[in-house]
């Protein structure tokens, strides 16, 4: 009886450990420069695999676009949330938009949006579902 109990507990622990193994997720950040400054960022859009990319820019708790002074400030902000830079590139002839591909490890899709809010999330009381 003791062996069966020990074997059952060991099996449950193994299953629970495998089920909660972190996996890597990605997001694409797209920063638009302010029209008045080549360094200031007017808003940062995020694509984390959500169904629709409507009003997907980062906002503060009052719903205003997150004010970040530079591209590096955006990277530092996301880094504090556990995201790591994978790649980056520029879109547009006049360096109109910078795009970063970032990643982090999560245990569930619900953790993808931990720490940030988008305009859509604020208006709809939660994140888009991820496909």
N, C-alpha and C. Protein backbone atom coordinates (compact mmCIF):
# COMPACT_ATOMS: atom_id res chain seq x y z
N UNK A 1 0.82 -1.19 0.00
CA UNK A 1 0.00 0.00 0.00
C UNK A 1 0.87 1.26 0.00
N UNK A 2 1.93 1.22 0.80
CA UNK A 2 2.82 2.37 0.88
C UNK A 2 3.51 2.62 -0.47
N UNK A 3 3.87 1.54 -1.18
CA UNK A 3 4.51 1.68 -2.49
C UNK A 3 3.55 2.30 -3.50
N UNK A 4 2.30 1.90 -3.46
CA UNK A 4 1.30 2.43 -4.39
C UNK A 4 1.11 3.92 -4.14
N UNK A 5 1.04 4.29 -2.87
CA UNK A 5 0.88 5.70 -2.52
C UNK A 5 2.08 6.51 -3.00
N UNK A 6 3.29 6.02 -2.75
CA UNK A 6 4.52 6.70 -3.16
C UNK A 6 4.58 6.82 -4.68
N UNK A 7 4.24 5.76 -5.38
CA UNK A 7 4.23 5.78 -6.85
C UNK A 7 3.21 6.77 -7.39
N UNK A 8 2.04 6.84 -6.77
CA UNK A 8 0.99 7.77 -7.18
C UNK A 8 1.44 9.22 -6.98
N UNK A 9 2.02 9.51 -5.84
CA UNK A 9 2.49 10.86 -5.54
C UNK A 9 3.61 11.24 -6.51
N UNK A 10 4.54 10.34 -6.77
CA UNK A 10 5.64 10.62 -7.70
C UNK A 10 5.10 10.89 -9.11
N UNK A 11 4.12 10.13 -9.53
CA UNK A 11 3.51 10.33 -10.84
C UNK A 11 2.82 11.68 -10.94
N UNK A 12 2.07 12.04 -9.90
CA UNK A 12 1.38 13.33 -9.90
C UNK A 12 2.36 14.49 -9.93
N UNK A 13 3.45 14.38 -9.21
CA UNK A 13 4.46 15.43 -9.19
C UNK A 13 5.10 15.57 -10.57
N UNK A 14 5.40 14.44 -11.21
CA UNK A 14 5.98 14.46 -12.55
C UNK A 14 5.03 15.10 -13.55
N UNK A 15 3.77 14.75 -13.51
CA UNK A 15 2.77 15.30 -14.43
C UNK A 15 2.62 16.80 -14.20
N UNK A 16 2.57 17.22 -12.94
CA UNK A 16 2.43 18.64 -12.63
C UNK A 16 3.65 19.43 -13.09
N UNK A 17 4.83 18.86 -12.96
CA UNK A 17 6.05 19.55 -13.39
C UNK A 17 6.08 19.71 -14.90
N UNK A 18 5.73 18.69 -15.62
CA UNK A 18 5.73 18.75 -17.08
C UNK A 18 4.65 19.72 -17.57
N UNK A 19 3.49 19.72 -16.96
CA UNK A 19 2.39 20.58 -17.38
C UNK A 19 2.69 22.06 -17.18
N UNK A 20 3.55 22.40 -16.24
CA UNK A 20 3.83 23.79 -15.94
C UNK A 20 5.17 24.27 -16.49
N UNK A 21 5.71 23.55 -17.45
CA UNK A 21 6.99 23.94 -18.01
C UNK A 21 6.84 25.22 -18.84
N UNK A 22 7.65 26.22 -18.56
CA UNK A 22 7.55 27.49 -19.29
C UNK A 22 7.83 27.31 -20.78
N UNK A 23 7.21 28.15 -21.58
CA UNK A 23 7.44 28.16 -23.02
C UNK A 23 7.63 29.59 -23.48
N UNK A 24 8.31 29.73 -24.60
CA UNK A 24 8.67 31.04 -25.11
C UNK A 24 7.54 31.62 -25.96
N UNK A 25 7.23 32.90 -25.72
CA UNK A 25 6.25 33.63 -26.53
C UNK A 25 6.94 34.87 -27.08
N UNK A 26 6.35 35.41 -28.13
CA UNK A 26 6.94 36.56 -28.81
C UNK A 26 5.95 37.71 -28.91
N UNK A 27 6.48 38.90 -29.07
CA UNK A 27 5.66 40.06 -29.39
C UNK A 27 6.47 40.94 -30.33
N UNK A 28 5.74 41.73 -31.10
CA UNK A 28 6.39 42.72 -31.97
C UNK A 28 5.97 44.09 -31.47
N UNK A 29 6.93 44.93 -31.18
CA UNK A 29 6.68 46.31 -30.78
C UNK A 29 6.97 47.21 -31.96
N UNK A 30 6.11 48.14 -32.19
CA UNK A 30 6.29 49.09 -33.28
C UNK A 30 6.19 50.49 -32.70
N UNK A 31 7.30 51.20 -32.71
CA UNK A 31 7.33 52.54 -32.12
C UNK A 31 7.31 53.59 -33.21
N UNK A 32 6.37 54.49 -33.09
CA UNK A 32 6.28 55.61 -34.03
C UNK A 32 6.92 56.83 -33.38
N UNK A 33 7.77 57.48 -34.16
CA UNK A 33 8.42 58.69 -33.66
C UNK A 33 7.43 59.85 -33.65
N UNK A 34 7.63 60.75 -32.73
CA UNK A 34 6.84 61.96 -32.66
C UNK A 34 7.12 62.82 -33.89
N UNK A 35 6.12 63.53 -34.36
CA UNK A 35 6.31 64.39 -35.53
C UNK A 35 7.21 65.58 -35.22
N UNK A 36 7.34 65.94 -33.95
CA UNK A 36 8.14 67.10 -33.57
C UNK A 36 9.57 66.74 -33.18
N UNK A 37 9.86 65.45 -33.02
CA UNK A 37 11.19 65.05 -32.59
C UNK A 37 11.56 63.70 -33.20
N UNK A 38 12.80 63.55 -33.62
CA UNK A 38 13.23 62.27 -34.19
C UNK A 38 13.57 61.25 -33.12
N UNK A 39 13.71 61.68 -31.87
CA UNK A 39 14.03 60.73 -30.80
C UNK A 39 12.82 60.39 -29.95
N UNK A 40 11.91 61.33 -29.73
CA UNK A 40 10.75 61.07 -28.87
C UNK A 40 9.78 60.11 -29.56
N UNK A 41 9.17 59.26 -28.76
CA UNK A 41 8.23 58.26 -29.26
C UNK A 41 6.81 58.77 -29.01
N UNK A 42 5.96 58.77 -30.06
CA UNK A 42 4.59 59.24 -29.88
C UNK A 42 3.69 58.13 -29.34
N UNK A 43 3.90 56.89 -29.79
CA UNK A 43 3.17 55.76 -29.21
C UNK A 43 3.83 54.46 -29.63
N UNK A 44 3.57 53.42 -28.83
CA UNK A 44 4.15 52.11 -29.06
C UNK A 44 3.03 51.10 -29.25
N UNK A 45 2.97 50.49 -30.42
CA UNK A 45 1.97 49.47 -30.70
C UNK A 45 2.57 48.10 -30.41
N UNK A 46 1.71 47.17 -29.98
CA UNK A 46 2.19 45.84 -29.64
C UNK A 46 1.32 44.77 -30.30
N UNK A 47 1.98 43.78 -30.86
CA UNK A 47 1.31 42.62 -31.44
C UNK A 47 1.85 41.41 -30.70
N UNK A 48 1.00 40.79 -29.87
CA UNK A 48 1.43 39.61 -29.12
C UNK A 48 0.66 38.36 -29.57
N UNK A 49 0.13 38.42 -30.80
CA UNK A 49 -0.60 37.29 -31.35
C UNK A 49 -2.09 37.35 -31.11
N UNK A 50 -2.58 38.53 -30.72
CA UNK A 50 -4.00 38.68 -30.44
C UNK A 50 -4.83 38.60 -31.72
N UNK A 51 -6.11 38.35 -31.56
CA UNK A 51 -7.00 38.16 -32.70
C UNK A 51 -7.08 39.40 -33.59
N UNK A 52 -7.25 40.56 -32.99
CA UNK A 52 -7.38 41.80 -33.77
C UNK A 52 -6.36 42.81 -33.28
N UNK A 53 -5.85 43.57 -34.22
CA UNK A 53 -4.85 44.58 -33.88
C UNK A 53 -5.49 45.96 -33.83
N UNK A 54 -6.58 46.09 -33.11
CA UNK A 54 -7.31 47.34 -32.99
C UNK A 54 -6.94 48.01 -31.67
N UNK A 55 -6.56 49.28 -31.74
CA UNK A 55 -6.18 50.05 -30.55
C UNK A 55 -5.22 49.26 -29.65
N UNK A 56 -4.17 48.76 -30.27
CA UNK A 56 -3.23 47.91 -29.55
C UNK A 56 -1.97 48.65 -29.11
N UNK A 57 -2.09 49.94 -28.84
CA UNK A 57 -0.92 50.69 -28.38
C UNK A 57 -0.89 50.73 -26.85
N UNK A 58 0.33 50.81 -26.32
CA UNK A 58 0.53 50.81 -24.87
C UNK A 58 0.03 52.11 -24.27
N UNK A 59 -0.70 51.99 -23.15
CA UNK A 59 -1.23 53.16 -22.46
C UNK A 59 -0.92 53.08 -20.97
N UNK A 60 -1.05 54.24 -20.31
CA UNK A 60 -0.92 54.27 -18.86
C UNK A 60 -2.28 53.95 -18.24
N UNK A 61 -2.38 54.04 -16.93
CA UNK A 61 -3.62 53.67 -16.24
C UNK A 61 -4.80 54.58 -16.56
N UNK A 62 -4.53 55.77 -17.07
CA UNK A 62 -5.63 56.68 -17.45
C UNK A 62 -6.02 56.54 -18.92
N UNK A 63 -5.35 55.66 -19.66
CA UNK A 63 -5.69 55.43 -21.06
C UNK A 63 -4.95 56.28 -22.06
N UNK A 64 -4.01 57.09 -21.59
CA UNK A 64 -3.22 57.93 -22.50
C UNK A 64 -2.02 57.13 -23.00
N UNK A 65 -1.62 57.35 -24.27
CA UNK A 65 -0.46 56.62 -24.78
C UNK A 65 0.73 56.75 -23.84
N UNK A 66 1.40 55.65 -23.61
CA UNK A 66 2.56 55.62 -22.74
C UNK A 66 3.63 56.56 -23.27
N UNK A 67 4.08 57.47 -22.45
CA UNK A 67 5.09 58.44 -22.87
C UNK A 67 6.47 57.90 -22.55
N UNK A 68 7.19 57.54 -23.59
CA UNK A 68 8.56 57.07 -23.44
C UNK A 68 9.43 57.96 -24.33
N UNK A 69 10.55 58.40 -23.79
CA UNK A 69 11.37 59.40 -24.46
C UNK A 69 12.16 58.90 -25.66
N UNK A 70 12.48 57.60 -25.68
CA UNK A 70 13.35 57.10 -26.74
C UNK A 70 13.11 55.62 -26.98
N UNK A 71 13.74 55.12 -28.01
CA UNK A 71 13.66 53.71 -28.34
C UNK A 71 14.24 52.88 -27.19
N UNK A 72 15.31 53.34 -26.61
CA UNK A 72 15.93 52.63 -25.50
C UNK A 72 15.00 52.58 -24.30
N UNK A 73 14.24 53.65 -24.06
CA UNK A 73 13.29 53.66 -22.95
C UNK A 73 12.21 52.59 -23.15
N UNK A 74 11.78 52.38 -24.38
CA UNK A 74 10.80 51.33 -24.68
C UNK A 74 11.40 49.97 -24.38
N UNK A 75 12.62 49.73 -24.84
CA UNK A 75 13.29 48.46 -24.59
C UNK A 75 13.47 48.21 -23.09
N UNK A 76 13.86 49.24 -22.35
CA UNK A 76 14.03 49.11 -20.89
C UNK A 76 12.70 48.82 -20.20
N UNK A 77 11.64 49.47 -20.64
CA UNK A 77 10.30 49.25 -20.08
C UNK A 77 9.89 47.79 -20.24
N UNK A 78 10.03 47.26 -21.45
CA UNK A 78 9.65 45.87 -21.71
C UNK A 78 10.58 44.89 -21.00
N UNK A 79 11.86 45.24 -20.90
CA UNK A 79 12.82 44.39 -20.21
C UNK A 79 12.44 44.20 -18.74
N UNK A 80 11.96 45.27 -18.12
CA UNK A 80 11.52 45.18 -16.72
C UNK A 80 10.33 44.25 -16.56
N UNK A 81 9.59 44.01 -17.66
CA UNK A 81 8.44 43.10 -17.63
C UNK A 81 8.83 41.68 -18.01
N UNK A 82 10.12 41.45 -18.20
CA UNK A 82 10.60 40.10 -18.50
C UNK A 82 10.85 39.81 -19.97
N UNK A 83 10.67 40.80 -20.83
CA UNK A 83 10.86 40.60 -22.27
C UNK A 83 12.32 40.80 -22.65
N UNK A 84 12.79 40.02 -23.62
CA UNK A 84 14.16 40.14 -24.13
C UNK A 84 14.12 40.43 -25.62
N UNK A 85 15.03 41.29 -26.06
CA UNK A 85 15.09 41.65 -27.46
C UNK A 85 15.66 40.49 -28.29
N UNK A 86 14.94 40.12 -29.34
CA UNK A 86 15.39 39.07 -30.27
C UNK A 86 15.96 39.69 -31.54
N UNK A 87 15.28 40.71 -32.07
CA UNK A 87 15.69 41.33 -33.33
C UNK A 87 15.03 42.71 -33.43
N UNK A 88 15.55 43.54 -34.31
CA UNK A 88 14.94 44.85 -34.54
C UNK A 88 15.21 45.27 -35.98
N UNK A 89 14.33 46.14 -36.49
CA UNK A 89 14.51 46.67 -37.83
C UNK A 89 13.73 47.96 -37.96
N UNK A 90 14.01 48.72 -39.01
CA UNK A 90 13.39 50.01 -39.26
C UNK A 90 12.49 49.90 -40.48
N UNK A 91 11.31 50.52 -40.41
CA UNK A 91 10.37 50.54 -41.52
C UNK A 91 10.20 51.99 -41.96
N UNK A 92 10.23 52.23 -43.25
CA UNK A 92 10.06 53.59 -43.79
C UNK A 92 11.36 54.21 -44.21
N UNK A 93 11.27 55.07 -45.17
CA UNK A 93 12.46 55.71 -45.71
C UNK A 93 13.09 56.70 -44.74
N UNK A 94 12.28 57.36 -43.97
CA UNK A 94 12.79 58.38 -43.05
C UNK A 94 12.86 57.88 -41.61
N UNK A 95 13.07 56.58 -41.45
CA UNK A 95 13.11 55.96 -40.13
C UNK A 95 11.86 56.34 -39.34
N UNK A 96 10.73 56.18 -39.99
CA UNK A 96 9.43 56.53 -39.41
C UNK A 96 9.05 55.61 -38.27
N UNK A 97 9.42 54.34 -38.37
CA UNK A 97 8.95 53.37 -37.39
C UNK A 97 10.04 52.34 -37.11
N UNK A 98 10.27 52.07 -35.84
CA UNK A 98 11.20 51.03 -35.42
C UNK A 98 10.38 49.85 -34.93
N UNK A 99 10.81 48.64 -35.26
CA UNK A 99 10.09 47.43 -34.83
C UNK A 99 11.07 46.54 -34.09
N UNK A 100 10.62 46.01 -32.95
CA UNK A 100 11.42 45.07 -32.18
C UNK A 100 10.64 43.77 -32.05
N UNK A 101 11.34 42.68 -32.19
CA UNK A 101 10.78 41.37 -31.89
C UNK A 101 11.34 41.00 -30.53
N UNK A 102 10.44 40.76 -29.57
CA UNK A 102 10.85 40.46 -28.21
C UNK A 102 10.26 39.13 -27.78
N UNK A 103 10.86 38.52 -26.76
CA UNK A 103 10.36 37.24 -26.28
C UNK A 103 10.47 37.17 -24.76
N UNK A 104 9.68 36.26 -24.19
CA UNK A 104 9.81 35.94 -22.77
C UNK A 104 9.21 34.56 -22.54
N UNK A 105 9.51 33.98 -21.41
CA UNK A 105 8.97 32.67 -21.06
C UNK A 105 7.76 32.85 -20.16
N UNK A 106 6.71 32.09 -20.43
CA UNK A 106 5.49 32.12 -19.64
C UNK A 106 5.04 30.70 -19.35
N UNK A 107 4.15 30.57 -18.38
CA UNK A 107 3.55 29.27 -18.07
C UNK A 107 2.17 29.13 -18.68
N UNK A 108 1.57 30.27 -19.08
CA UNK A 108 0.26 30.24 -19.73
C UNK A 108 0.12 31.49 -20.59
N UNK A 109 -0.78 31.44 -21.57
CA UNK A 109 -0.99 32.59 -22.45
C UNK A 109 -1.48 33.82 -21.69
N UNK A 110 -2.12 33.63 -20.56
CA UNK A 110 -2.62 34.76 -19.77
C UNK A 110 -1.47 35.63 -19.24
N UNK A 111 -0.27 35.06 -19.13
CA UNK A 111 0.88 35.81 -18.62
C UNK A 111 1.51 36.73 -19.66
N UNK A 112 1.13 36.58 -20.91
CA UNK A 112 1.75 37.39 -21.97
C UNK A 112 1.57 38.87 -21.70
N UNK A 113 0.40 39.29 -21.25
CA UNK A 113 0.12 40.71 -21.07
C UNK A 113 0.42 41.22 -19.65
N UNK A 114 1.03 40.41 -18.82
CA UNK A 114 1.36 40.85 -17.46
C UNK A 114 2.24 42.09 -17.49
N UNK A 115 1.80 43.14 -16.84
CA UNK A 115 2.61 44.34 -16.67
C UNK A 115 2.33 45.48 -17.63
N UNK A 116 1.62 45.22 -18.72
CA UNK A 116 1.31 46.32 -19.63
C UNK A 116 -0.18 46.33 -19.96
N UNK A 117 -0.63 47.49 -20.41
CA UNK A 117 -2.03 47.67 -20.81
C UNK A 117 -2.06 48.35 -22.17
N UNK A 118 -2.98 47.90 -23.00
CA UNK A 118 -3.20 48.56 -24.29
C UNK A 118 -4.52 49.30 -24.21
N UNK A 119 -4.73 50.18 -25.16
CA UNK A 119 -5.99 50.92 -25.20
C UNK A 119 -7.17 49.95 -25.31
N UNK A 120 -7.05 48.93 -26.15
CA UNK A 120 -8.11 47.95 -26.33
C UNK A 120 -8.39 47.21 -25.02
N UNK A 121 -7.35 46.82 -24.31
CA UNK A 121 -7.52 46.10 -23.04
C UNK A 121 -8.27 46.97 -22.03
N UNK A 122 -7.94 48.25 -21.99
CA UNK A 122 -8.58 49.17 -21.07
C UNK A 122 -10.06 49.33 -21.39
N UNK A 123 -10.39 49.46 -22.67
CA UNK A 123 -11.77 49.63 -23.10
C UNK A 123 -12.62 48.37 -22.95
N UNK A 124 -11.97 47.20 -22.99
CA UNK A 124 -12.70 45.93 -22.97
C UNK A 124 -12.45 45.09 -21.72
N UNK A 125 -11.86 45.70 -20.69
CA UNK A 125 -11.62 45.04 -19.41
C UNK A 125 -10.86 43.74 -19.53
N UNK A 126 -9.83 43.74 -20.34
CA UNK A 126 -8.97 42.56 -20.44
C UNK A 126 -8.37 42.42 -21.81
N UNK A 127 -7.39 41.51 -21.92
CA UNK A 127 -6.67 41.35 -23.18
C UNK A 127 -7.46 40.61 -24.24
N UNK A 128 -7.03 40.77 -25.48
CA UNK A 128 -7.54 39.96 -26.58
C UNK A 128 -7.19 38.49 -26.29
N UNK A 129 -7.92 37.60 -26.88
CA UNK A 129 -7.49 36.21 -26.80
C UNK A 129 -6.36 36.01 -27.81
N UNK A 130 -5.48 35.08 -27.50
CA UNK A 130 -4.32 34.81 -28.34
C UNK A 130 -4.61 33.58 -29.19
N UNK A 131 -4.28 33.67 -30.47
CA UNK A 131 -4.48 32.52 -31.35
C UNK A 131 -3.22 31.74 -31.51
